[in-house]
Amino acid sequence: YDVTNYTPTNKVLYAENISLVECPKLSDSVSFVTRMPDNSMEPVIMKNNLLHIKYTSFINNGDICIVVLNDKTLIREFKSTNENIKLIPSNSSYETITINPAKDSLDIIGKIIAY
C-alpha cells in the first residue's frame, strides 16, 4: 500500500482539533508537542496528555502516530499489511479505520515518542 508522506518543509499543519503547546526545547528528537484532543486512545493515552511528536513518515506497525486522513487529524496506532493500513484506537468506543486507497487521502505527520 502506497502512503503519501508528509514533509514538514514549507507546509502548514492545519488541524481544527489539534493545538500546539509552547514548551522549551526537549530534545533533538521532539519536533513539537500537543495535547491529546480526545479519549480515543484511552487508557493508553488520556485526553489532554502532552504528546511529544517527531516529524517522520517512517512509521512501524504498533507505533502511535499522528495522521491527517481526509482532512481530519487523528492520533491512532498504525497497522500496515500488504493489503491495507488500519488506524486503531485503544478505546473500544471508537472504530478501527481501514484506509481505502481508492478514496482516502492519508498524510503521516509523525510518531508519538512520549506521552
N, C-alpha and C. Protein backbone atom coordinates (compact mmCIF):
# COMPACT_ATOMS: atom_id res chain seq x y z
N TYR A 1 0.85 -1.18 0.00
CA TYR A 1 0.00 0.00 0.00
C TYR A 1 0.89 1.23 0.00
N ASP A 2 0.62 2.14 -0.89
CA ASP A 2 1.41 3.36 -1.04
C ASP A 2 0.84 4.48 -0.17
N VAL A 3 1.67 5.07 0.68
CA VAL A 3 1.22 6.13 1.57
C VAL A 3 1.83 7.45 1.11
N THR A 4 1.03 8.50 1.06
CA THR A 4 1.53 9.84 0.77
C THR A 4 2.26 10.34 2.01
N ASN A 5 3.50 10.68 1.86
CA ASN A 5 4.31 11.11 3.01
C ASN A 5 4.22 12.60 3.22
N TYR A 6 4.22 13.00 4.46
CA TYR A 6 4.19 14.40 4.83
C TYR A 6 5.63 14.89 4.98
N THR A 7 5.94 15.98 4.34
CA THR A 7 7.25 16.62 4.50
C THR A 7 7.02 17.97 5.15
N PRO A 8 7.56 18.20 6.35
CA PRO A 8 7.25 19.42 7.08
C PRO A 8 7.79 20.71 6.46
N THR A 9 8.73 20.63 5.56
CA THR A 9 9.32 21.83 4.97
C THR A 9 8.29 22.59 4.15
N ASN A 10 8.13 23.89 4.47
CA ASN A 10 7.25 24.79 3.73
C ASN A 10 5.79 24.37 3.71
N LYS A 11 5.34 23.63 4.71
CA LYS A 11 3.94 23.24 4.80
C LYS A 11 3.41 23.66 6.15
N VAL A 12 2.14 23.90 6.21
CA VAL A 12 1.49 24.25 7.47
C VAL A 12 0.54 23.13 7.83
N LEU A 13 0.65 22.66 9.06
CA LEU A 13 -0.27 21.63 9.53
C LEU A 13 -1.54 22.31 10.00
N TYR A 14 -2.64 22.07 9.30
CA TYR A 14 -3.92 22.63 9.72
C TYR A 14 -4.73 21.51 10.33
N ALA A 15 -5.16 21.73 11.54
CA ALA A 15 -5.96 20.74 12.22
C ALA A 15 -6.84 21.46 13.23
N GLU A 16 -8.12 21.38 13.04
CA GLU A 16 -9.01 22.11 13.93
C GLU A 16 -9.05 21.53 15.33
N ASN A 17 -8.73 20.25 15.49
CA ASN A 17 -8.81 19.65 16.82
C ASN A 17 -7.44 19.45 17.47
N ILE A 18 -6.39 20.00 16.90
CA ILE A 18 -5.04 19.88 17.46
C ILE A 18 -4.50 21.28 17.71
N SER A 19 -3.97 21.51 18.89
CA SER A 19 -3.34 22.80 19.17
C SER A 19 -1.93 22.57 19.67
N LEU A 20 -1.01 23.40 19.22
CA LEU A 20 0.38 23.28 19.64
C LEU A 20 0.54 23.86 21.03
N VAL A 21 1.49 23.31 21.78
CA VAL A 21 1.74 23.73 23.15
C VAL A 21 3.12 24.37 23.21
N GLU A 22 3.23 25.56 23.81
CA GLU A 22 4.52 26.21 23.96
C GLU A 22 5.33 25.47 25.01
N CYS A 23 6.56 25.14 24.68
CA CYS A 23 7.40 24.41 25.62
C CYS A 23 8.86 24.64 25.28
N PRO A 24 9.75 24.41 26.24
CA PRO A 24 11.18 24.54 25.95
C PRO A 24 11.63 23.41 25.04
N LYS A 25 12.79 23.57 24.44
CA LYS A 25 13.37 22.52 23.61
C LYS A 25 13.62 21.30 24.47
N LEU A 26 12.95 20.20 24.16
CA LEU A 26 13.04 19.00 24.98
C LEU A 26 14.20 18.11 24.57
N SER A 27 14.32 17.89 23.28
CA SER A 27 15.42 17.09 22.75
C SER A 27 15.42 17.26 21.24
N ASP A 28 16.46 16.79 20.60
CA ASP A 28 16.54 16.88 19.15
C ASP A 28 15.52 15.99 18.46
N SER A 29 15.01 14.98 19.17
CA SER A 29 14.08 14.05 18.54
C SER A 29 12.62 14.53 18.62
N VAL A 30 12.34 15.57 19.40
CA VAL A 30 10.98 16.09 19.51
C VAL A 30 10.80 17.26 18.56
N SER A 31 9.86 17.13 17.61
CA SER A 31 9.59 18.22 16.67
C SER A 31 8.58 19.21 17.22
N PHE A 32 7.54 18.70 17.90
CA PHE A 32 6.55 19.57 18.52
C PHE A 32 5.80 18.79 19.59
N VAL A 33 5.08 19.56 20.41
CA VAL A 33 4.27 18.99 21.49
C VAL A 33 2.85 19.49 21.33
N THR A 34 1.90 18.61 21.54
CA THR A 34 0.49 18.99 21.52
C THR A 34 -0.23 18.19 22.60
N ARG A 35 -1.49 18.49 22.79
CA ARG A 35 -2.29 17.75 23.76
C ARG A 35 -3.17 16.73 23.04
N MET A 36 -3.41 15.60 23.68
CA MET A 36 -4.32 14.60 23.14
C MET A 36 -5.72 15.22 23.13
N PRO A 37 -6.33 15.33 21.93
CA PRO A 37 -7.58 16.09 21.81
C PRO A 37 -8.84 15.35 22.26
N ASP A 38 -8.76 14.02 22.36
CA ASP A 38 -9.97 13.26 22.69
C ASP A 38 -9.60 12.02 23.50
N ASN A 39 -10.56 11.15 23.74
CA ASN A 39 -10.31 9.95 24.54
C ASN A 39 -10.18 8.68 23.69
N SER A 40 -9.88 8.83 22.41
CA SER A 40 -9.81 7.68 21.50
C SER A 40 -8.67 6.72 21.82
N MET A 41 -7.65 7.18 22.53
CA MET A 41 -6.51 6.32 22.85
C MET A 41 -6.47 5.92 24.33
N GLU A 42 -7.54 6.21 25.08
CA GLU A 42 -7.60 5.79 26.49
C GLU A 42 -7.84 4.29 26.55
N PRO A 43 -7.22 3.56 27.45
CA PRO A 43 -6.49 4.01 28.62
C PRO A 43 -4.99 4.21 28.39
N VAL A 44 -4.50 4.04 27.17
CA VAL A 44 -3.06 4.19 26.90
C VAL A 44 -2.64 5.65 27.03
N ILE A 45 -3.34 6.54 26.33
CA ILE A 45 -3.08 7.98 26.39
C ILE A 45 -4.38 8.66 26.80
N MET A 46 -4.31 9.41 27.88
CA MET A 46 -5.50 10.08 28.39
C MET A 46 -5.73 11.41 27.66
N LYS A 47 -6.99 11.80 27.56
CA LYS A 47 -7.34 13.10 26.96
C LYS A 47 -6.58 14.20 27.70
N ASN A 48 -6.04 15.14 26.94
CA ASN A 48 -5.25 16.29 27.41
C ASN A 48 -3.82 15.95 27.82
N ASN A 49 -3.39 14.68 27.75
CA ASN A 49 -1.98 14.37 27.98
C ASN A 49 -1.13 15.11 26.95
N LEU A 50 0.08 15.52 27.35
CA LEU A 50 1.01 16.11 26.40
C LEU A 50 1.63 15.01 25.54
N LEU A 51 1.65 15.23 24.25
CA LEU A 51 2.22 14.28 23.30
C LEU A 51 3.48 14.89 22.70
N HIS A 52 4.58 14.19 22.79
CA HIS A 52 5.84 14.62 22.18
C HIS A 52 5.90 13.91 20.83
N ILE A 53 5.98 14.70 19.77
CA ILE A 53 5.86 14.16 18.42
C ILE A 53 7.11 14.47 17.61
N LYS A 54 7.54 13.46 16.88
CA LYS A 54 8.68 13.62 15.96
C LYS A 54 8.14 13.57 14.54
N TYR A 55 8.45 14.62 13.75
CA TYR A 55 8.08 14.59 12.33
C TYR A 55 8.79 13.41 11.68
N THR A 56 8.04 12.53 11.09
CA THR A 56 8.61 11.43 10.33
C THR A 56 7.52 10.78 9.49
N SER A 57 7.89 10.25 8.37
CA SER A 57 6.94 9.49 7.56
C SER A 57 7.22 7.99 7.68
N PHE A 58 8.20 7.65 8.50
CA PHE A 58 8.55 6.24 8.70
C PHE A 58 7.90 5.75 9.98
N ILE A 59 6.81 5.03 9.82
CA ILE A 59 6.02 4.52 10.94
C ILE A 59 6.05 3.00 10.89
N ASN A 60 6.28 2.38 12.03
CA ASN A 60 6.28 0.92 12.12
C ASN A 60 4.95 0.42 12.67
N ASN A 61 4.63 -0.82 12.39
CA ASN A 61 3.44 -1.42 12.97
C ASN A 61 3.50 -1.31 14.49
N GLY A 62 2.40 -0.88 15.07
CA GLY A 62 2.33 -0.73 16.52
C GLY A 62 2.68 0.66 17.02
N ASP A 63 3.28 1.50 16.17
CA ASP A 63 3.58 2.88 16.58
C ASP A 63 2.28 3.66 16.72
N ILE A 64 2.27 4.58 17.68
CA ILE A 64 1.17 5.53 17.77
C ILE A 64 1.61 6.76 16.99
N CYS A 65 0.75 7.19 16.08
CA CYS A 65 1.16 8.26 15.18
C CYS A 65 0.06 9.31 15.06
N ILE A 66 0.45 10.44 14.52
CA ILE A 66 -0.50 11.50 14.18
C ILE A 66 -0.57 11.55 12.66
N VAL A 67 -1.78 11.48 12.13
CA VAL A 67 -2.00 11.46 10.69
C VAL A 67 -3.12 12.44 10.35
N VAL A 68 -3.16 12.80 9.07
CA VAL A 68 -4.32 13.52 8.55
C VAL A 68 -4.97 12.59 7.54
N LEU A 69 -6.19 12.19 7.86
CA LEU A 69 -6.97 11.30 7.00
C LEU A 69 -8.16 12.09 6.46
N ASN A 70 -8.16 12.31 5.16
CA ASN A 70 -9.27 13.05 4.53
C ASN A 70 -9.55 14.37 5.26
N ASP A 71 -8.50 15.12 5.53
CA ASP A 71 -8.57 16.44 6.18
C ASP A 71 -8.95 16.41 7.65
N LYS A 72 -8.92 15.24 8.27
CA LYS A 72 -9.18 15.13 9.71
C LYS A 72 -7.94 14.59 10.40
N THR A 73 -7.49 15.28 11.44
CA THR A 73 -6.31 14.86 12.17
C THR A 73 -6.69 13.81 13.21
N LEU A 74 -5.92 12.70 13.22
CA LEU A 74 -6.19 11.60 14.14
C LEU A 74 -4.90 11.16 14.82
N ILE A 75 -5.03 10.64 16.01
CA ILE A 75 -3.92 10.01 16.71
C ILE A 75 -4.36 8.58 16.98
N ARG A 76 -3.66 7.64 16.37
CA ARG A 76 -4.05 6.23 16.44
C ARG A 76 -2.82 5.33 16.34
N GLU A 77 -3.02 4.07 16.69
CA GLU A 77 -1.99 3.06 16.47
C GLU A 77 -2.00 2.69 14.99
N PHE A 78 -0.83 2.52 14.42
CA PHE A 78 -0.66 2.24 13.00
C PHE A 78 -0.47 0.74 12.78
N LYS A 79 -1.18 0.18 11.82
CA LYS A 79 -1.04 -1.23 11.45
C LYS A 79 -1.10 -1.33 9.94
N SER A 80 -0.03 -1.87 9.34
CA SER A 80 0.04 -1.99 7.89
C SER A 80 0.27 -3.44 7.49
N THR A 81 -0.44 -3.87 6.46
CA THR A 81 -0.23 -5.18 5.85
C THR A 81 -0.05 -4.97 4.35
N ASN A 82 0.15 -6.04 3.62
CA ASN A 82 0.25 -5.91 2.16
C ASN A 82 -1.06 -5.44 1.55
N GLU A 83 -2.18 -5.72 2.23
CA GLU A 83 -3.49 -5.38 1.69
C GLU A 83 -4.00 -4.00 2.08
N ASN A 84 -3.68 -3.55 3.32
CA ASN A 84 -4.27 -2.30 3.77
C ASN A 84 -3.50 -1.68 4.94
N ILE A 85 -3.97 -0.51 5.32
CA ILE A 85 -3.49 0.19 6.51
C ILE A 85 -4.69 0.38 7.42
N LYS A 86 -4.47 0.13 8.72
CA LYS A 86 -5.52 0.36 9.70
C LYS A 86 -5.02 1.34 10.74
N LEU A 87 -5.93 2.19 11.19
CA LEU A 87 -5.69 3.13 12.28
C LEU A 87 -6.55 2.67 13.44
N ILE A 88 -5.89 2.24 14.52
CA ILE A 88 -6.57 1.53 15.59
C ILE A 88 -6.61 2.37 16.87
N PRO A 89 -7.80 2.63 17.39
CA PRO A 89 -7.90 3.34 18.67
C PRO A 89 -7.70 2.35 19.82
N SER A 90 -7.29 2.85 20.98
CA SER A 90 -7.21 1.99 22.17
C SER A 90 -8.57 1.88 22.84
N ASN A 91 -9.39 2.90 22.68
CA ASN A 91 -10.71 2.97 23.29
C ASN A 91 -11.71 2.22 22.40
N SER A 92 -12.35 1.20 22.95
CA SER A 92 -13.27 0.38 22.16
C SER A 92 -14.54 1.12 21.75
N SER A 93 -14.76 2.34 22.26
CA SER A 93 -15.91 3.15 21.83
C SER A 93 -15.70 3.72 20.42
N TYR A 94 -14.45 3.69 19.96
CA TYR A 94 -14.11 4.20 18.63
C TYR A 94 -13.86 3.02 17.69
N GLU A 95 -14.18 3.20 16.43
CA GLU A 95 -13.99 2.14 15.44
C GLU A 95 -12.59 2.19 14.84
N THR A 96 -12.07 1.02 14.50
CA THR A 96 -10.84 0.92 13.71
C THR A 96 -11.14 1.43 12.31
N ILE A 97 -10.23 2.21 11.78
CA ILE A 97 -10.41 2.76 10.44
C ILE A 97 -9.52 1.99 9.48
N THR A 98 -10.10 1.43 8.44
CA THR A 98 -9.34 0.78 7.38
C THR A 98 -9.27 1.74 6.21
N ILE A 99 -8.05 2.06 5.81
CA ILE A 99 -7.83 3.03 4.73
C ILE A 99 -8.21 2.41 3.39
N ASN A 100 -9.01 3.13 2.62
CA ASN A 100 -9.38 2.73 1.28
C ASN A 100 -8.55 3.55 0.30
N PRO A 101 -7.54 2.95 -0.35
CA PRO A 101 -6.65 3.73 -1.23
C PRO A 101 -7.36 4.38 -2.42
N ALA A 102 -8.51 3.86 -2.79
CA ALA A 102 -9.24 4.43 -3.93
C ALA A 102 -9.93 5.74 -3.56
N LYS A 103 -10.25 5.95 -2.27
CA LYS A 103 -10.98 7.16 -1.93
C LYS A 103 -10.39 7.96 -0.77
N ASP A 104 -9.45 7.40 -0.03
CA ASP A 104 -8.90 8.08 1.14
C ASP A 104 -7.57 8.75 0.84
N SER A 105 -7.37 9.89 1.48
CA SER A 105 -6.10 10.61 1.42
C SER A 105 -5.47 10.53 2.81
N LEU A 106 -4.27 9.97 2.89
CA LEU A 106 -3.59 9.79 4.17
C LEU A 106 -2.22 10.45 4.15
N ASP A 107 -2.01 11.38 5.09
CA ASP A 107 -0.71 12.02 5.27
C ASP A 107 -0.22 11.67 6.66
N ILE A 108 0.96 11.08 6.74
CA ILE A 108 1.56 10.76 8.02
C ILE A 108 2.36 11.98 8.47
N ILE A 109 2.02 12.52 9.64
CA ILE A 109 2.69 13.69 10.16
C ILE A 109 3.89 13.28 11.01
N GLY A 110 3.68 12.34 11.91
CA GLY A 110 4.77 11.94 12.78
C GLY A 110 4.39 10.83 13.73
N LYS A 111 5.36 10.54 14.59
CA LYS A 111 5.26 9.45 15.55
C LYS A 111 5.24 10.03 16.96
N ILE A 112 4.36 9.50 17.80
CA ILE A 112 4.31 9.91 19.20
C ILE A 112 5.48 9.20 19.88
N ILE A 113 6.42 9.98 20.42
CA ILE A 113 7.59 9.35 21.05
C ILE A 113 7.54 9.39 22.57
N ALA A 114 6.63 10.20 23.12
CA ALA A 114 6.44 10.22 24.57
C ALA A 114 5.08 10.84 24.87
N TYR A 115 4.51 10.40 25.99
CA TYR A 115 3.21 10.97 26.43
C TYR A 115 3.07 10.84 27.92
